[in-house]
């Protein structure tokens, strides 16, 4: 690997880590989790599948699921929305 190739590989890895870090910051909060879920909802055949994707990312990055299941997530969101 030449120095230029190594430099490009390092830049690509830094960019990947930067994007991963931004995603982690977003899904760490309840509001950010919901926003990311809502942005991705059209990519999945059901709301539960979209939720499982986002909750799986959360578990990958933080070591535990944010919500036990979709219904727990839905209750939390409904409570937040009704208090506004």
PDB file of N, CA and C in Angstrom:
ATOM      1  N   UNK A   1       0.857  -1.178   0.000  1.00  0.00           N
ATOM      2  CA  UNK A   1       0.000   0.000   0.000  1.00  0.00           C
ATOM      3  C   UNK A   1       0.899   1.237   0.000  1.00  0.00           C
ATOM      4  N   UNK A   2       0.635   2.130  -0.915  1.00  0.00           N
ATOM      5  CA  UNK A   2       1.421   3.365  -0.979  1.00  0.00           C
ATOM      6  C   UNK A   2       0.941   4.334   0.101  1.00  0.00           C
ATOM      7  N   UNK A   3       1.701   5.367   0.296  1.00  0.00           N
ATOM      8  CA  UNK A   3       1.336   6.384   1.292  1.00  0.00           C
ATOM      9  C   UNK A   3       0.017   7.042   0.896  1.00  0.00           C
ATOM     10  N   UNK A   4      -0.175   7.304  -0.390  1.00  0.00           N
ATOM     11  CA  UNK A   4      -1.416   7.917  -0.862  1.00  0.00           C
ATOM     12  C   UNK A   4      -2.603   6.995  -0.607  1.00  0.00           C
ATOM     13  N   UNK A   5      -2.446   5.721  -0.900  1.00  0.00           N
ATOM     14  CA  UNK A   5      -3.537   4.766  -0.650  1.00  0.00           C
ATOM     15  C   UNK A   5      -3.844   4.687   0.838  1.00  0.00           C
ATOM     16  N   UNK A   6      -2.801   4.668   1.644  1.00  0.00           N
ATOM     17  CA  UNK A   6      -2.993   4.629   3.096  1.00  0.00           C
ATOM     18  C   UNK A   6      -3.721   5.885   3.571  1.00  0.00           C
ATOM     19  N   UNK A   7      -3.310   7.030   3.054  1.00  0.00           N
ATOM     20  CA  UNK A   7      -3.944   8.299   3.422  1.00  0.00           C
ATOM     21  C   UNK A   7      -5.431   8.286   3.050  1.00  0.00           C
ATOM     22  N   UNK A   8      -5.753   7.797   1.858  1.00  0.00           N
ATOM     23  CA  UNK A   8      -7.153   7.723   1.422  1.00  0.00           C
ATOM     24  C   UNK A   8      -7.948   6.750   2.285  1.00  0.00           C
ATOM     25  N   UNK A   9      -7.341   5.639   2.662  1.00  0.00           N
ATOM     26  CA  UNK A   9      -8.014   4.659   3.519  1.00  0.00           C
ATOM     27  C   UNK A   9      -8.297   5.261   4.895  1.00  0.00           C
ATOM     28  N   UNK A  10      -7.347   6.008   5.421  1.00  0.00           N
ATOM     29  CA  UNK A  10      -7.520   6.655   6.728  1.00  0.00           C
ATOM     30  C   UNK A  10      -8.629   7.705   6.641  1.00  0.00           C
ATOM     31  N   UNK A  11      -8.642   8.480   5.568  1.00  0.00           N
ATOM     32  CA  UNK A  11      -9.699   9.481   5.391  1.00  0.00           C
ATOM     33  C   UNK A  11     -11.073   8.823   5.315  1.00  0.00           C
ATOM     34  N   UNK A  12     -11.174   7.729   4.572  1.00  0.00           N
ATOM     35  CA  UNK A  12     -12.452   7.024   4.447  1.00  0.00           C
ATOM     36  C   UNK A  12     -12.904   6.486   5.801  1.00  0.00           C
ATOM     37  N   UNK A  13     -11.980   5.925   6.564  1.00  0.00           N
ATOM     38  CA  UNK A  13     -12.313   5.397   7.890  1.00  0.00           C
ATOM     39  C   UNK A  13     -12.737   6.528   8.823  1.00  0.00           C
ATOM     40  N   UNK A  14     -12.054   7.657   8.759  1.00  0.00           N
ATOM     41  CA  UNK A  14     -12.435   8.809   9.585  1.00  0.00           C
ATOM     42  C   UNK A  14     -13.834   9.292   9.237  1.00  0.00           C
ATOM     43  N   UNK A  15     -14.168   9.335   7.964  1.00  0.00           N
ATOM     44  CA  UNK A  15     -15.501   9.763   7.535  1.00  0.00           C
ATOM     45  C   UNK A  15     -16.570   8.780   8.026  1.00  0.00           C
ATOM     46  N   UNK A  16     -16.285   7.482   7.927  1.00  0.00           N
ATOM     47  CA  UNK A  16     -17.224   6.462   8.398  1.00  0.00           C
ATOM     48  C   UNK A  16     -17.468   6.612   9.893  1.00  0.00           C
ATOM     49  N   UNK A  17     -16.395   6.815  10.645  1.00  0.00           N
ATOM     50  CA  UNK A  17     -16.517   6.970  12.092  1.00  0.00           C
ATOM     51  C   UNK A  17     -17.261   8.260  12.451  1.00  0.00           C
ATOM     52  N   UNK A  18     -17.038   9.318  11.689  1.00  0.00           N
ATOM     53  CA  UNK A  18     -17.745  10.574  11.923  1.00  0.00           C
ATOM     54  C   UNK A  18     -19.244  10.386  11.727  1.00  0.00           C
ATOM     55  N   UNK A  19     -19.633   9.701  10.656  1.00  0.00           N
ATOM     56  CA  UNK A  19     -21.052   9.448  10.396  1.00  0.00           C
ATOM     57  C   UNK A  19     -21.657   8.557  11.472  1.00  0.00           C
ATOM     58  N   UNK A  20     -20.904   7.541  11.893  1.00  0.00           N
ATOM     59  CA  UNK A  20     -21.375   6.647  12.948  1.00  0.00           C
ATOM     60  C   UNK A  20     -21.569   7.421  14.251  1.00  0.00           C
ATOM     61  N   UNK A  21     -20.642   8.309  14.557  1.00  0.00           N
ATOM     62  CA  UNK A  21     -20.733   9.118  15.764  1.00  0.00           C
ATOM     63  C   UNK A  21     -21.960  10.016  15.727  1.00  0.00           C
ATOM     64  N   UNK A  22     -22.238  10.637  14.581  1.00  0.00           N
ATOM     65  CA  UNK A  22     -23.425  11.486  14.438  1.00  0.00           C
ATOM     66  C   UNK A  22     -24.708  10.680  14.652  1.00  0.00           C
ATOM     67  N   UNK A  23     -24.740   9.478  14.087  1.00  0.00           N
ATOM     68  CA  UNK A  23     -25.906   8.610  14.266  1.00  0.00           C
ATOM     69  C   UNK A  23     -26.077   8.243  15.735  1.00  0.00           C
ATOM     70  N   UNK A  24     -24.996   7.921  16.396  1.00  0.00           N
ATOM     71  CA  UNK A  24     -25.069   7.582  17.817  1.00  0.00           C
ATOM     72  C   UNK A  24     -25.615   8.744  18.634  1.00  0.00           C
ATOM     73  N   UNK A  25     -25.126   9.950  18.342  1.00  0.00           N
ATOM     74  CA  UNK A  25     -25.621  11.126  19.064  1.00  0.00           C
ATOM     75  C   UNK A  25     -27.111  11.323  18.824  1.00  0.00           C
ATOM     76  N   UNK A  26     -27.543  11.066  17.598  1.00  0.00           N
ATOM     77  CA  UNK A  26     -28.961  11.273  17.282  1.00  0.00           C
ATOM     78  C   UNK A  26     -29.846  10.269  18.007  1.00  0.00           C
ATOM     79  N   UNK A  27     -29.541   8.987  17.901  1.00  0.00           N
ATOM     80  CA  UNK A  27     -30.455   7.988  18.475  1.00  0.00           C
ATOM     81  C   UNK A  27     -30.323   7.848  19.983  1.00  0.00           C
ATOM     82  N   UNK A  28     -29.383   8.559  20.588  1.00  0.00           N
ATOM     83  CA  UNK A  28     -29.213   8.485  22.038  1.00  0.00           C
ATOM     84  C   UNK A  28     -30.372   9.143  22.786  1.00  0.00           C
ATOM     85  N   UNK A  29     -31.020  10.134  22.176  1.00  0.00           N
ATOM     86  CA  UNK A  29     -32.142  10.792  22.845  1.00  0.00           C
ATOM     87  C   UNK A  29     -33.463  10.210  22.339  1.00  0.00           C
ATOM     88  N   UNK A  30     -34.496  10.324  23.138  1.00  0.00           N
ATOM     89  CA  UNK A  30     -35.814   9.837  22.745  1.00  0.00           C
ATOM     90  C   UNK A  30     -36.284  10.523  21.471  1.00  0.00           C
ATOM     91  N   UNK A  31     -36.117  11.836  21.422  1.00  0.00           N
ATOM     92  CA  UNK A  31     -36.560  12.594  20.246  1.00  0.00           C
ATOM     93  C   UNK A  31     -35.769  12.201  19.009  1.00  0.00           C
ATOM     94  N   UNK A  32     -34.453  12.070  19.157  1.00  0.00           N
ATOM     95  CA  UNK A  32     -33.604  11.690  18.036  1.00  0.00           C
ATOM     96  C   UNK A  32     -33.886  10.280  17.553  1.00  0.00           C
ATOM     97  N   UNK A  33     -34.138   9.374  18.495  1.00  0.00           N
ATOM     98  CA  UNK A  33     -34.494   7.999  18.144  1.00  0.00           C
ATOM     99  C   UNK A  33     -35.761   8.005  17.291  1.00  0.00           C
ATOM    100  N   UNK A  34     -36.761   8.751  17.748  1.00  0.00           N
ATOM    101  CA  UNK A  34     -38.033   8.832  17.029  1.00  0.00           C
ATOM    102  C   UNK A  34     -37.845   9.450  15.645  1.00  0.00           C
ATOM    103  N   UNK A  35     -37.075  10.525  15.555  1.00  0.00           N
ATOM    104  CA  UNK A  35     -36.841  11.171  14.264  1.00  0.00           C
ATOM    105  C   UNK A  35     -36.144  10.222  13.291  1.00  0.00           C
ATOM    106  N   UNK A  36     -35.146   9.498  13.776  1.00  0.00           N
ATOM    107  CA  UNK A  36     -34.428   8.559  12.907  1.00  0.00           C
ATOM    108  C   UNK A  36     -35.348   7.415  12.485  1.00  0.00           C
ATOM    109  N   UNK A  37     -36.144   6.931  13.413  1.00  0.00           N
ATOM    110  CA  UNK A  37     -37.135   5.896  13.107  1.00  0.00           C
ATOM    111  C   UNK A  37     -38.083   6.398  12.020  1.00  0.00           C
ATOM    112  N   UNK A  38     -38.569   7.617  12.180  1.00  0.00           N
ATOM    113  CA  UNK A  38     -39.536   8.167  11.231  1.00  0.00           C
ATOM    114  C   UNK A  38     -38.901   8.388   9.858  1.00  0.00           C
ATOM    115  N   UNK A  39     -37.634   8.793   9.804  1.00  0.00           N
ATOM    116  CA  UNK A  39     -36.925   8.962   8.531  1.00  0.00           C
ATOM    117  C   UNK A  39     -36.778   7.629   7.795  1.00  0.00           C
ATOM    118  N   UNK A  40     -36.672   6.547   8.529  1.00  0.00           N
ATOM    119  CA  UNK A  40     -36.414   5.235   7.936  1.00  0.00           C
ATOM    120  C   UNK A  40     -37.660   4.391   7.742  1.00  0.00           C
ATOM    121  N   UNK A  41     -38.798   4.868   8.172  1.00  0.00           N
ATOM    122  CA  UNK A  41     -40.020   4.069   8.173  1.00  0.00           C
ATOM    123  C   UNK A  41     -40.426   3.606   6.766  1.00  0.00           C
ATOM    124  N   UNK A  42     -40.176   4.423   5.742  1.00  0.00           N
ATOM    125  CA  UNK A  42     -40.591   4.056   4.383  1.00  0.00           C
ATOM    126  C   UNK A  42     -39.700   2.985   3.764  1.00  0.00           C
ATOM    127  N   UNK A  43     -38.562   2.706   4.375  1.00  0.00           N
ATOM    128  CA  UNK A  43     -37.636   1.697   3.859  1.00  0.00           C
ATOM    129  C   UNK A  43     -38.026   0.280   4.281  1.00  0.00           C
ATOM    130  N   UNK A  44     -39.013   0.169   5.142  1.00  0.00           N
ATOM    131  CA  UNK A  44     -39.394  -1.138   5.704  1.00  0.00           C
ATOM    132  C   UNK A  44     -40.864  -1.433   5.444  1.00  0.00           C
ATOM    133  N   UNK A  45     -41.192  -2.699   5.442  1.00  0.00           N
ATOM    134  CA  UNK A  45     -42.564  -3.111   5.126  1.00  0.00           C
ATOM    135  C   UNK A  45     -43.543  -2.846   6.269  1.00  0.00           C
ATOM    136  N   UNK A  46     -43.022  -2.627   7.465  1.00  0.00           N
ATOM    137  CA  UNK A  46     -43.902  -2.326   8.597  1.00  0.00           C
ATOM    138  C   UNK A  46     -43.207  -1.391   9.568  1.00  0.00           C
ATOM    139  N   UNK A  47     -44.003  -0.767  10.397  1.00  0.00           N
ATOM    140  CA  UNK A  47     -43.448   0.121  11.425  1.00  0.00           C
ATOM    141  C   UNK A  47     -42.609  -0.671  12.419  1.00  0.00           C
ATOM    142  N   UNK A  48     -43.018  -1.889  12.691  1.00  0.00           N
ATOM    143  CA  UNK A  48     -42.271  -2.729  13.630  1.00  0.00           C
ATOM    144  C   UNK A  48     -40.894  -3.060  13.058  1.00  0.00           C
ATOM    145  N   UNK A  49     -40.819  -3.357  11.763  1.00  0.00           N
ATOM    146  CA  UNK A  49     -39.526  -3.632  11.142  1.00  0.00           C
ATOM    147  C   UNK A  49     -38.613  -2.407  11.211  1.00  0.00           C
ATOM    148  N   UNK A  50     -39.178  -1.228  10.964  1.00  0.00           N
ATOM    149  CA  UNK A  50     -38.393   0.010  11.051  1.00  0.00           C
ATOM    150  C   UNK A  50     -37.907   0.213  12.485  1.00  0.00           C
ATOM    151  N   UNK A  51     -38.795  -0.007  13.444  1.00  0.00           N
ATOM    152  CA  UNK A  51     -38.414   0.115  14.849  1.00  0.00           C
ATOM    153  C   UNK A  51     -37.303  -0.869  15.200  1.00  0.00           C
ATOM    154  N   UNK A  52     -37.445  -2.124  14.770  1.00  0.00           N
ATOM    155  CA  UNK A  52     -36.436  -3.139  15.072  1.00  0.00           C
ATOM    156  C   UNK A  52     -35.075  -2.769  14.492  1.00  0.00           C
ATOM    157  N   UNK A  53     -35.064  -2.145  13.324  1.00  0.00           N
ATOM    158  CA  UNK A  53     -33.813  -1.688  12.724  1.00  0.00           C
ATOM    159  C   UNK A  53     -33.149  -0.636  13.615  1.00  0.00           C
ATOM    160  N   UNK A  54     -33.900   0.374  14.024  1.00  0.00           N
ATOM    161  CA  UNK A  54     -33.330   1.459  14.820  1.00  0.00           C
ATOM    162  C   UNK A  54     -32.950   0.958  16.214  1.00  0.00           C
ATOM    163  N   UNK A  55     -33.788   0.146  16.819  1.00  0.00           N
ATOM    164  CA  UNK A  55     -33.482  -0.401  18.141  1.00  0.00           C
ATOM    165  C   UNK A  55     -32.252  -1.311  18.071  1.00  0.00           C
ATOM    166  N   UNK A  56     -32.103  -2.031  16.949  1.00  0.00           N
ATOM    167  CA  UNK A  56     -30.918  -2.869  16.737  1.00  0.00           C
ATOM    168  C   UNK A  56     -29.648  -2.039  16.620  1.00  0.00           C
ATOM    169  N   UNK A  57     -29.740  -0.902  15.933  1.00  0.00           N
ATOM    170  CA  UNK A  57     -28.582   0.002  15.855  1.00  0.00           C
ATOM    171  C   UNK A  57     -28.213   0.510  17.243  1.00  0.00           C
ATOM    172  N   UNK A  58     -29.236   0.878  18.001  1.00  0.00           N
ATOM    173  CA  UNK A  58     -28.991   1.362  19.351  1.00  0.00           C
ATOM    174  C   UNK A  58     -28.263   0.286  20.167  1.00  0.00           C
ATOM    175  N   UNK A  59     -28.733  -0.939  20.073  1.00  0.00           N
ATOM    176  CA  UNK A  59     -28.104  -2.041  20.813  1.00  0.00           C
ATOM    177  C   UNK A  59     -26.665  -2.263  20.343  1.00  0.00           C
ATOM    178  N   UNK A  60     -26.439  -2.176  19.054  1.00  0.00           N
ATOM    179  CA  UNK A  60     -25.083  -2.341  18.495  1.00  0.00           C
ATOM    180  C   UNK A  60     -24.133  -1.297  19.073  1.00  0.00           C
ATOM    181  N   UNK A  61     -24.570  -0.049  19.141  1.00  0.00           N
ATOM    182  CA  UNK A  61     -23.701   1.032  19.577  1.00  0.00           C
ATOM    183  C   UNK A  61     -23.600   1.183  21.091  1.00  0.00           C
ATOM    184  N   UNK A  62     -24.677   0.875  21.813  1.00  0.00           N
ATOM    185  CA  UNK A  62     -24.703   1.145  23.253  1.00  0.00           C
ATOM    186  C   UNK A  62     -24.748  -0.111  24.122  1.00  0.00           C
ATOM    187  N   UNK A  63     -24.875  -1.281  23.514  1.00  0.00           N
ATOM    188  CA  UNK A  63     -24.790  -2.524  24.273  1.00  0.00           C
ATOM    189  C   UNK A  63     -26.082  -3.026  24.876  1.00  0.00           C
ATOM    190  N   UNK A  64     -27.166  -2.287  24.723  1.00  0.00           N
ATOM    191  CA  UNK A  64     -28.471  -2.751  25.198  1.00  0.00           C
ATOM    192  C   UNK A  64     -29.544  -2.081  24.355  1.00  0.00           C
ATOM    193  N   UNK A  65     -30.715  -2.689  24.344  1.00  0.00           N
ATOM    194  CA  UNK A  65     -31.813  -2.106  23.582  1.00  0.00           C
ATOM    195  C   UNK A  65     -32.341  -0.877  24.305  1.00  0.00           C
ATOM    196  N   UNK A  66     -32.756   0.119  23.536  1.00  0.00           N
ATOM    197  CA  UNK A  66     -33.344   1.319  24.148  1.00  0.00           C
ATOM    198  C   UNK A  66     -34.745   1.008  24.647  1.00  0.00           C
ATOM    199  N   UNK A  67     -35.494   0.243  23.872  1.00  0.00           N
ATOM    200  CA  UNK A  67     -36.862  -0.139  24.235  1.00  0.00           C
ATOM    201  C   UNK A  67     -36.975  -1.655  24.197  1.00  0.00           C
ATOM    202  N   UNK A  68     -37.766  -2.189  25.112  1.00  0.00           N
ATOM    203  CA  UNK A  68     -37.954  -3.638  25.185  1.00  0.00           C
ATOM    204  C   UNK A  68     -38.579  -4.174  23.902  1.00  0.00           C
ATOM    205  N   UNK A  69     -39.552  -3.423  23.363  1.00  0.00           N
ATOM    206  CA  UNK A  69     -40.234  -3.829  22.135  1.00  0.00           C
ATOM    207  C   UNK A  69     -40.940  -2.629  21.516  1.00  0.00           C
ATOM    208  N   UNK A  70     -41.566  -2.843  20.384  1.00  0.00           N
ATOM    209  CA  UNK A  70     -42.241  -1.765  19.665  1.00  0.00           C
ATOM    210  C   UNK A  70     -43.327  -1.114  20.518  1.00  0.00           C
ATOM    211  N   UNK A  71     -44.053  -1.916  21.265  1.00  0.00           N
ATOM    212  CA  UNK A  71     -45.184  -1.397  22.049  1.00  0.00           C
ATOM    213  C   UNK A  71     -44.701  -0.502  23.178  1.00  0.00           C
ATOM    214  N   UNK A  72     -43.569  -0.824  23.759  1.00  0.00           N
ATOM    215  CA  UNK A  72     -42.957   0.025  24.780  1.00  0.00           C
ATOM    216  C   UNK A  72     -42.546   1.367  24.164  1.00  0.00           C
ATOM    217  N   UNK A  73     -41.953   1.314  22.994  1.00  0.00           N
ATOM    218  CA  UNK A  73     -41.576   2.521  22.257  1.00  0.00           C
ATOM    219  C   UNK A  73     -42.802   3.370  21.948  1.00  0.00           C
ATOM    220  N   UNK A  74     -43.845   2.729  21.460  1.00  0.00           N
ATOM    221  CA  UNK A  74     -45.065   3.438  21.080  1.00  0.00           C
ATOM    222  C   UNK A  74     -45.711   4.127  22.295  1.00  0.00           C
ATOM    223  N   UNK A  75     -45.760   3.444  23.435  1.00  0.00           N
ATOM    224  CA  UNK A  75     -46.308   4.043  24.661  1.00  0.00           C
ATOM    225  C   UNK A  75     -45.515   5.286  25.053  1.00  0.00           C
ATOM    226  N   UNK A  76     -44.189   5.183  24.991  1.00  0.00           N
ATOM    227  CA  UNK A  76     -43.335   6.314  25.358  1.00  0.00           C
ATOM    228  C   UNK A  76     -43.591   7.495  24.436  1.00  0.00           C
ATOM    229  N   UNK A  77     -43.647   7.252  23.149  1.00  0.00           N
ATOM    230  CA  UNK A  77     -43.875   8.319  22.167  1.00  0.00           C
ATOM    231  C   UNK A  77     -45.264   8.927  22.363  1.00  0.00           C
ATOM    232  N   UNK A  78     -46.274   8.093  22.549  1.00  0.00           N
ATOM    233  CA  UNK A  78     -47.635   8.609  22.757  1.00  0.00           C
ATOM    234  C   UNK A  78     -47.717   9.479  24.003  1.00  0.00           C
ATOM    235  N   UNK A  79     -47.034   9.086  25.073  1.00  0.00           N
ATOM    236  CA  UNK A  79     -47.010   9.881  26.296  1.00  0.00           C
ATOM    237  C   UNK A  79     -46.357  11.239  26.036  1.00  0.00           C
ATOM    238  N   UNK A  80     -45.245  11.233  25.334  1.00  0.00           N
ATOM    239  CA  UNK A  80     -44.550  12.487  25.031  1.00  0.00           C
ATOM    240  C   UNK A  80     -45.408  13.390  24.156  1.00  0.00           C
ATOM    241  N   UNK A  81     -46.060  12.804  23.158  1.00  0.00           N
ATOM    242  CA  UNK A  81     -46.887  13.606  22.251  1.00  0.00           C
ATOM    243  C   UNK A  81     -48.138  14.161  22.949  1.00  0.00           C
ATOM    244  N   UNK A  82     -48.702  13.415  23.867  1.00  0.00           N
ATOM    245  CA  UNK A  82     -49.910  13.882  24.544  1.00  0.00           C
ATOM    246  C   UNK A  82     -49.602  14.941  25.598  1.00  0.00           C
ATOM    247  N   UNK A  83     -48.350  15.034  26.039  1.00  0.00           N
ATOM    248  CA  UNK A  83     -48.002  16.043  27.038  1.00  0.00           C
ATOM    249  C   UNK A  83     -47.599  17.363  26.412  1.00  0.00           C
ATOM    250  N   UNK A  84     -47.557  17.418  25.094  1.00  0.00           N
ATOM    251  CA  UNK A  84     -47.154  18.658  24.399  1.00  0.00           C
ATOM    252  C   UNK A  84     -48.318  19.585  24.231  1.00  0.00           C
TER     253      UNK A  84
END
